[in-house]
Amino acid sequence: MSDIALNTVRSYLRHLHASDTAGLIASFEDDGLVHSPFLGTMAARDFFPKLASASSQSVITLIDLFASVQLADDTLRVAAYFRYDWTLSDGRLVDFTCVDVFSFRPGSARIAQMHIVYDTHPLREQVGDKYAPSPAISA
């Protein structure tokens, strides 16, 4: 099963690199969750369109993949350590390394949950709240 999960994570990273929102969502279980340092916990189907609206391009450089042994709860986990060169929708470039931790249900090739792990302090200084709603334009 770990080979299948590793392949799913590789596919997920290719979708992220390609800005393929539909492919990203399809990588997750229908009730899949994303735990984000900026956005909190969201359904994957809601998280990725929000990411797409804040982004214009993503360049993903995989550094390493790590698969866990199945633990007492039978959850298989894969961690992807990668560099993220992220061009925001306003044209600013943000680059950082991060780890995404993917959890899989027993027997499933789709992601049940993903925890995004990175140091938000330098990013917040660079970009502020990139997910803030745009101010309303008054007539």
N, C-alpha and C. Protein backbone atom coordinates (compact mmCIF):
# COMPACT_ATOMS: atom_id res chain seq x y z
N MET A 1 0.83 -1.21 0.00
CA MET A 1 0.00 0.00 0.00
C MET A 1 0.86 1.26 0.00
N SER A 2 2.04 1.22 0.62
CA SER A 2 2.84 2.44 0.68
C SER A 2 3.27 2.90 -0.71
N ASP A 3 3.51 1.96 -1.65
CA ASP A 3 3.86 2.37 -3.02
C ASP A 3 2.71 3.12 -3.67
N ILE A 4 1.49 2.66 -3.43
CA ILE A 4 0.32 3.34 -3.99
C ILE A 4 0.19 4.73 -3.40
N ALA A 5 0.37 4.86 -2.09
CA ALA A 5 0.29 6.17 -1.44
C ALA A 5 1.40 7.09 -1.94
N LEU A 6 2.61 6.58 -2.10
CA LEU A 6 3.70 7.39 -2.63
C LEU A 6 3.38 7.88 -4.04
N ASN A 7 2.79 7.01 -4.86
CA ASN A 7 2.41 7.42 -6.21
C ASN A 7 1.31 8.48 -6.18
N THR A 8 0.37 8.36 -5.26
CA THR A 8 -0.68 9.38 -5.12
C THR A 8 -0.06 10.72 -4.75
N VAL A 9 0.88 10.72 -3.83
CA VAL A 9 1.52 11.98 -3.42
C VAL A 9 2.33 12.57 -4.57
N ARG A 10 3.03 11.73 -5.32
CA ARG A 10 3.76 12.25 -6.50
C ARG A 10 2.79 12.88 -7.49
N SER A 11 1.66 12.22 -7.70
CA SER A 11 0.64 12.76 -8.60
C SER A 11 0.09 14.08 -8.06
N TYR A 12 -0.19 14.13 -6.77
CA TYR A 12 -0.66 15.36 -6.13
C TYR A 12 0.33 16.51 -6.39
N LEU A 13 1.62 16.24 -6.20
CA LEU A 13 2.63 17.29 -6.40
C LEU A 13 2.68 17.74 -7.85
N ARG A 14 2.49 16.81 -8.79
CA ARG A 14 2.43 17.20 -10.21
C ARG A 14 1.22 18.10 -10.46
N HIS A 15 0.07 17.76 -9.85
CA HIS A 15 -1.12 18.61 -10.00
C HIS A 15 -0.88 20.00 -9.39
N LEU A 16 -0.21 20.04 -8.25
CA LEU A 16 0.09 21.33 -7.62
C LEU A 16 1.01 22.16 -8.52
N HIS A 17 2.02 21.53 -9.08
CA HIS A 17 2.96 22.20 -9.98
C HIS A 17 2.22 22.74 -11.22
N ALA A 18 1.26 21.99 -11.71
CA ALA A 18 0.51 22.36 -12.92
C ALA A 18 -0.67 23.29 -12.63
N SER A 19 -0.90 23.62 -11.36
CA SER A 19 -2.07 24.43 -10.97
C SER A 19 -3.37 23.78 -11.43
N ASP A 20 -3.43 22.46 -11.31
CA ASP A 20 -4.58 21.66 -11.74
C ASP A 20 -5.52 21.44 -10.56
N THR A 21 -6.43 22.38 -10.36
CA THR A 21 -7.33 22.34 -9.21
C THR A 21 -8.18 21.07 -9.20
N ALA A 22 -8.73 20.71 -10.35
CA ALA A 22 -9.57 19.51 -10.41
C ALA A 22 -8.75 18.26 -10.05
N GLY A 23 -7.52 18.17 -10.53
CA GLY A 23 -6.66 17.04 -10.21
C GLY A 23 -6.31 16.98 -8.74
N LEU A 24 -6.08 18.15 -8.13
CA LEU A 24 -5.79 18.21 -6.70
C LEU A 24 -6.98 17.68 -5.89
N ILE A 25 -8.16 18.17 -6.21
CA ILE A 25 -9.37 17.74 -5.49
C ILE A 25 -9.60 16.24 -5.68
N ALA A 26 -9.38 15.74 -6.90
CA ALA A 26 -9.59 14.32 -7.18
C ALA A 26 -8.60 13.42 -6.43
N SER A 27 -7.48 13.99 -5.97
CA SER A 27 -6.49 13.21 -5.20
C SER A 27 -7.00 12.88 -3.80
N PHE A 28 -8.05 13.57 -3.37
CA PHE A 28 -8.57 13.45 -2.01
C PHE A 28 -9.85 12.62 -1.98
N GLU A 29 -10.08 12.00 -0.83
CA GLU A 29 -11.37 11.38 -0.57
C GLU A 29 -12.45 12.46 -0.70
N ASP A 30 -13.69 12.05 -0.94
CA ASP A 30 -14.77 13.03 -1.06
C ASP A 30 -14.91 13.91 0.18
N ASP A 31 -14.60 13.35 1.34
CA ASP A 31 -14.66 14.12 2.59
C ASP A 31 -13.27 14.53 3.08
N GLY A 32 -12.30 14.56 2.16
CA GLY A 32 -10.91 14.86 2.51
C GLY A 32 -10.75 16.26 3.07
N LEU A 33 -9.79 16.40 3.99
CA LEU A 33 -9.54 17.67 4.67
C LEU A 33 -8.12 18.15 4.44
N VAL A 34 -7.96 19.47 4.45
CA VAL A 34 -6.65 20.12 4.42
C VAL A 34 -6.53 20.95 5.68
N HIS A 35 -5.41 20.79 6.38
CA HIS A 35 -5.10 21.58 7.57
C HIS A 35 -3.99 22.56 7.18
N SER A 36 -4.34 23.84 7.07
CA SER A 36 -3.43 24.87 6.55
C SER A 36 -3.04 25.84 7.66
N PRO A 37 -1.76 26.24 7.71
CA PRO A 37 -1.35 27.24 8.71
C PRO A 37 -2.08 28.58 8.54
N PHE A 38 -2.40 28.94 7.31
CA PHE A 38 -3.07 30.22 7.05
C PHE A 38 -4.59 30.12 7.15
N LEU A 39 -5.16 29.02 6.66
CA LEU A 39 -6.61 28.95 6.50
C LEU A 39 -7.32 28.04 7.49
N GLY A 40 -6.56 27.33 8.32
CA GLY A 40 -7.18 26.40 9.25
C GLY A 40 -7.59 25.13 8.53
N THR A 41 -8.58 24.44 9.07
CA THR A 41 -9.04 23.17 8.49
C THR A 41 -10.20 23.44 7.54
N MET A 42 -10.04 22.93 6.32
CA MET A 42 -11.06 23.11 5.28
C MET A 42 -11.24 21.82 4.51
N ALA A 43 -12.41 21.64 3.93
CA ALA A 43 -12.61 20.54 2.99
C ALA A 43 -11.68 20.78 1.79
N ALA A 44 -11.07 19.71 1.29
CA ALA A 44 -10.17 19.84 0.14
C ALA A 44 -10.88 20.50 -1.04
N ARG A 45 -12.14 20.15 -1.24
CA ARG A 45 -12.90 20.70 -2.37
C ARG A 45 -13.08 22.21 -2.25
N ASP A 46 -12.96 22.77 -1.04
CA ASP A 46 -13.06 24.22 -0.83
C ASP A 46 -11.67 24.88 -0.79
N PHE A 47 -10.70 24.14 -0.26
CA PHE A 47 -9.36 24.70 -0.09
C PHE A 47 -8.69 24.99 -1.44
N PHE A 48 -8.73 24.05 -2.36
CA PHE A 48 -7.96 24.21 -3.58
C PHE A 48 -8.47 25.30 -4.52
N PRO A 49 -9.77 25.54 -4.64
CA PRO A 49 -10.20 26.72 -5.40
C PRO A 49 -9.72 28.03 -4.74
N LYS A 50 -9.69 28.06 -3.42
CA LYS A 50 -9.20 29.25 -2.71
C LYS A 50 -7.71 29.45 -2.99
N LEU A 51 -6.95 28.35 -2.97
CA LEU A 51 -5.53 28.42 -3.31
C LEU A 51 -5.36 28.93 -4.75
N ALA A 52 -6.16 28.41 -5.66
CA ALA A 52 -6.06 28.82 -7.07
C ALA A 52 -6.32 30.31 -7.23
N SER A 53 -7.27 30.86 -6.47
CA SER A 53 -7.59 32.28 -6.61
C SER A 53 -6.47 33.17 -6.06
N ALA A 54 -5.64 32.62 -5.16
CA ALA A 54 -4.52 33.39 -4.59
C ALA A 54 -3.23 33.20 -5.39
N SER A 55 -3.25 32.34 -6.41
CA SER A 55 -2.04 31.92 -7.11
C SER A 55 -2.12 32.24 -8.59
N SER A 56 -0.92 32.46 -9.18
CA SER A 56 -0.87 32.49 -10.64
C SER A 56 0.03 31.39 -11.17
N GLN A 57 1.00 30.92 -10.36
CA GLN A 57 1.87 29.83 -10.78
C GLN A 57 2.51 29.18 -9.56
N SER A 58 2.75 27.88 -9.67
CA SER A 58 3.45 27.15 -8.62
C SER A 58 4.54 26.31 -9.28
N VAL A 59 5.74 26.39 -8.73
CA VAL A 59 6.83 25.52 -9.15
C VAL A 59 7.21 24.68 -7.94
N ILE A 60 7.05 23.38 -8.08
CA ILE A 60 7.30 22.45 -6.99
C ILE A 60 8.56 21.67 -7.29
N THR A 61 9.50 21.71 -6.36
CA THR A 61 10.73 20.93 -6.48
C THR A 61 10.78 19.95 -5.32
N LEU A 62 10.54 18.69 -5.62
CA LEU A 62 10.52 17.67 -4.58
C LEU A 62 11.94 17.44 -4.06
N ILE A 63 12.07 17.44 -2.75
CA ILE A 63 13.35 17.15 -2.10
C ILE A 63 13.36 15.70 -1.63
N ASP A 64 12.29 15.24 -0.98
CA ASP A 64 12.25 13.87 -0.48
C ASP A 64 10.83 13.47 -0.13
N LEU A 65 10.59 12.17 -0.12
CA LEU A 65 9.32 11.59 0.33
C LEU A 65 9.63 10.59 1.44
N PHE A 66 8.75 10.55 2.44
CA PHE A 66 8.90 9.64 3.57
C PHE A 66 7.57 8.94 3.79
N ALA A 67 7.59 7.62 3.92
CA ALA A 67 6.37 6.88 4.22
C ALA A 67 6.50 6.26 5.59
N SER A 68 5.43 6.31 6.36
CA SER A 68 5.43 5.72 7.70
C SER A 68 5.01 4.27 7.63
N VAL A 69 5.28 3.56 8.70
CA VAL A 69 4.68 2.24 8.85
C VAL A 69 3.26 2.47 9.31
N GLN A 70 2.41 1.50 9.09
CA GLN A 70 1.04 1.66 9.55
C GLN A 70 1.03 1.64 11.07
N LEU A 71 0.37 2.61 11.63
CA LEU A 71 0.32 2.76 13.07
C LEU A 71 -0.88 2.03 13.65
N ALA A 72 -1.08 2.16 14.95
CA ALA A 72 -2.17 1.46 15.65
C ALA A 72 -3.53 1.72 15.02
N ASP A 73 -3.72 2.92 14.46
CA ASP A 73 -5.03 3.25 13.87
C ASP A 73 -5.12 2.85 12.40
N ASP A 74 -4.12 2.12 11.90
CA ASP A 74 -4.07 1.66 10.51
C ASP A 74 -4.00 2.78 9.48
N THR A 75 -3.62 3.98 9.90
CA THR A 75 -3.47 5.09 8.97
C THR A 75 -2.05 5.06 8.41
N LEU A 76 -1.95 5.11 7.11
CA LEU A 76 -0.65 5.22 6.45
C LEU A 76 -0.39 6.71 6.21
N ARG A 77 0.82 7.15 6.50
CA ARG A 77 1.16 8.56 6.30
C ARG A 77 2.37 8.67 5.37
N VAL A 78 2.33 9.68 4.52
CA VAL A 78 3.45 10.01 3.64
C VAL A 78 3.73 11.49 3.85
N ALA A 79 5.01 11.82 4.01
CA ALA A 79 5.41 13.22 4.12
C ALA A 79 6.21 13.59 2.88
N ALA A 80 5.87 14.71 2.28
CA ALA A 80 6.58 15.24 1.13
C ALA A 80 7.30 16.51 1.56
N TYR A 81 8.61 16.52 1.41
CA TYR A 81 9.44 17.68 1.72
C TYR A 81 9.81 18.30 0.39
N PHE A 82 9.42 19.57 0.18
CA PHE A 82 9.64 20.18 -1.12
C PHE A 82 9.85 21.69 -1.02
N ARG A 83 10.42 22.23 -2.08
CA ARG A 83 10.55 23.68 -2.22
C ARG A 83 9.36 24.15 -3.05
N TYR A 84 8.76 25.24 -2.59
CA TYR A 84 7.58 25.80 -3.24
C TYR A 84 7.94 27.20 -3.70
N ASP A 85 8.06 27.39 -5.01
CA ASP A 85 8.24 28.72 -5.61
C ASP A 85 6.86 29.12 -6.10
N TRP A 86 6.25 30.05 -5.38
CA TRP A 86 4.84 30.35 -5.54
C TRP A 86 4.69 31.78 -6.04
N THR A 87 4.10 31.93 -7.21
CA THR A 87 3.78 33.26 -7.72
C THR A 87 2.32 33.54 -7.36
N LEU A 88 2.14 34.59 -6.56
CA LEU A 88 0.80 34.95 -6.11
C LEU A 88 0.05 35.62 -7.26
N SER A 89 -1.25 35.73 -7.11
CA SER A 89 -2.08 36.31 -8.17
C SER A 89 -1.72 37.76 -8.46
N ASP A 90 -1.09 38.46 -7.50
CA ASP A 90 -0.68 39.85 -7.75
C ASP A 90 0.73 39.94 -8.33
N GLY A 91 1.36 38.79 -8.65
CA GLY A 91 2.66 38.77 -9.29
C GLY A 91 3.85 38.61 -8.35
N ARG A 92 3.64 38.74 -7.04
CA ARG A 92 4.75 38.57 -6.10
C ARG A 92 5.17 37.10 -6.05
N LEU A 93 6.49 36.89 -5.91
CA LEU A 93 7.03 35.55 -5.78
C LEU A 93 7.39 35.28 -4.34
N VAL A 94 6.93 34.15 -3.83
CA VAL A 94 7.24 33.70 -2.48
C VAL A 94 7.88 32.32 -2.62
N ASP A 95 9.01 32.11 -1.99
CA ASP A 95 9.62 30.79 -2.06
C ASP A 95 9.94 30.32 -0.65
N PHE A 96 9.69 29.04 -0.41
CA PHE A 96 9.92 28.45 0.90
C PHE A 96 9.97 26.94 0.77
N THR A 97 10.50 26.30 1.80
CA THR A 97 10.43 24.85 1.87
C THR A 97 9.33 24.48 2.86
N CYS A 98 8.70 23.36 2.61
CA CYS A 98 7.64 22.93 3.48
C CYS A 98 7.54 21.41 3.47
N VAL A 99 6.73 20.91 4.37
CA VAL A 99 6.42 19.50 4.44
C VAL A 99 4.90 19.38 4.46
N ASP A 100 4.37 18.59 3.57
CA ASP A 100 2.96 18.24 3.61
C ASP A 100 2.88 16.80 4.09
N VAL A 101 2.04 16.56 5.09
CA VAL A 101 1.87 15.22 5.64
C VAL A 101 0.50 14.72 5.21
N PHE A 102 0.50 13.63 4.45
CA PHE A 102 -0.70 13.05 3.87
C PHE A 102 -1.10 11.80 4.65
N SER A 103 -2.37 11.68 4.99
CA SER A 103 -2.90 10.51 5.68
C SER A 103 -3.84 9.76 4.75
N PHE A 104 -3.71 8.44 4.77
CA PHE A 104 -4.53 7.57 3.92
C PHE A 104 -5.29 6.58 4.78
N ARG A 105 -6.55 6.35 4.44
CA ARG A 105 -7.33 5.32 5.12
C ARG A 105 -6.87 3.94 4.64
N PRO A 106 -7.05 2.93 5.44
CA PRO A 106 -6.64 1.59 5.03
C PRO A 106 -7.26 1.20 3.69
N GLY A 107 -6.43 0.74 2.77
CA GLY A 107 -6.91 0.26 1.48
C GLY A 107 -7.25 1.33 0.47
N SER A 108 -7.11 2.60 0.79
CA SER A 108 -7.48 3.68 -0.12
C SER A 108 -6.25 4.32 -0.75
N ALA A 109 -6.36 4.65 -2.02
CA ALA A 109 -5.29 5.36 -2.72
C ALA A 109 -5.53 6.87 -2.74
N ARG A 110 -6.62 7.32 -2.13
CA ARG A 110 -6.92 8.75 -2.10
C ARG A 110 -6.58 9.32 -0.73
N ILE A 111 -6.24 10.58 -0.70
CA ILE A 111 -5.80 11.26 0.52
C ILE A 111 -7.00 11.55 1.40
N ALA A 112 -6.91 11.17 2.67
CA ALA A 112 -7.97 11.48 3.63
C ALA A 112 -7.75 12.86 4.26
N GLN A 113 -6.50 13.15 4.62
CA GLN A 113 -6.17 14.44 5.23
C GLN A 113 -4.76 14.84 4.83
N MET A 114 -4.54 16.15 4.79
CA MET A 114 -3.21 16.68 4.55
C MET A 114 -2.95 17.80 5.55
N HIS A 115 -1.82 17.72 6.23
CA HIS A 115 -1.37 18.78 7.13
C HIS A 115 -0.21 19.50 6.45
N ILE A 116 -0.35 20.79 6.26
CA ILE A 116 0.69 21.61 5.65
C ILE A 116 1.54 22.18 6.78
N VAL A 117 2.86 21.99 6.69
CA VAL A 117 3.75 22.42 7.75
C VAL A 117 4.84 23.32 7.17
N TYR A 118 4.87 24.58 7.60
CA TYR A 118 5.96 25.49 7.25
C TYR A 118 5.94 26.65 8.22
N ASP A 119 7.04 27.37 8.24
CA ASP A 119 7.18 28.54 9.10
C ASP A 119 6.44 29.71 8.46
N THR A 120 5.32 30.11 9.03
CA THR A 120 4.52 31.17 8.43
C THR A 120 5.06 32.57 8.70
N HIS A 121 5.91 32.73 9.71
CA HIS A 121 6.37 34.07 10.07
C HIS A 121 7.01 34.82 8.90
N PRO A 122 8.02 34.25 8.22
CA PRO A 122 8.62 35.00 7.11
C PRO A 122 7.63 35.27 5.99
N LEU A 123 6.72 34.31 5.74
CA LEU A 123 5.74 34.49 4.67
C LEU A 123 4.75 35.60 5.00
N ARG A 124 4.29 35.65 6.23
CA ARG A 124 3.34 36.69 6.61
C ARG A 124 3.97 38.07 6.49
N GLU A 125 5.27 38.17 6.81
CA GLU A 125 5.96 39.45 6.65
C GLU A 125 6.02 39.86 5.19
N GLN A 126 6.21 38.88 4.30
CA GLN A 126 6.32 39.16 2.87
C GLN A 126 4.99 39.47 2.21
N VAL A 127 3.96 38.70 2.54
CA VAL A 127 2.71 38.80 1.77
C VAL A 127 1.51 39.26 2.56
N GLY A 128 1.59 39.32 3.87
CA GLY A 128 0.41 39.69 4.64
C GLY A 128 -0.65 38.62 4.52
N ASP A 129 -1.91 39.00 4.56
CA ASP A 129 -3.00 38.05 4.46
C ASP A 129 -3.43 37.94 3.01
N LYS A 130 -2.83 36.98 2.29
CA LYS A 130 -3.12 36.82 0.87
C LYS A 130 -4.51 36.28 0.60
N TYR A 131 -5.18 35.79 1.64
CA TYR A 131 -6.51 35.23 1.46
C TYR A 131 -7.62 36.19 1.89
N ALA A 132 -7.24 37.40 2.28
CA ALA A 132 -8.25 38.37 2.69
C ALA A 132 -9.17 38.67 1.51
N PRO A 133 -10.46 38.83 1.78
CA PRO A 133 -11.37 39.18 0.68
C PRO A 133 -10.98 40.54 0.10
N SER A 134 -11.19 40.66 -1.19
CA SER A 134 -10.92 41.95 -1.84
C SER A 134 -11.89 42.99 -1.33
N PRO A 135 -11.42 44.22 -1.16
CA PRO A 135 -12.34 45.26 -0.69
C PRO A 135 -13.43 45.50 -1.73
N ALA A 136 -14.62 45.76 -1.24
CA ALA A 136 -15.74 46.02 -2.13
C ALA A 136 -15.53 47.36 -2.82
N ILE A 137 -15.90 47.41 -4.09
CA ILE A 137 -15.79 48.65 -4.85
C ILE A 137 -17.14 49.36 -4.76
N SER A 138 -17.10 50.57 -4.28
CA SER A 138 -18.36 51.31 -4.14
C SER A 138 -18.56 52.21 -5.36
N ALA A 139 -19.79 52.38 -5.71
CA ALA A 139 -20.11 53.17 -6.91
C ALA A 139 -20.22 54.64 -6.57
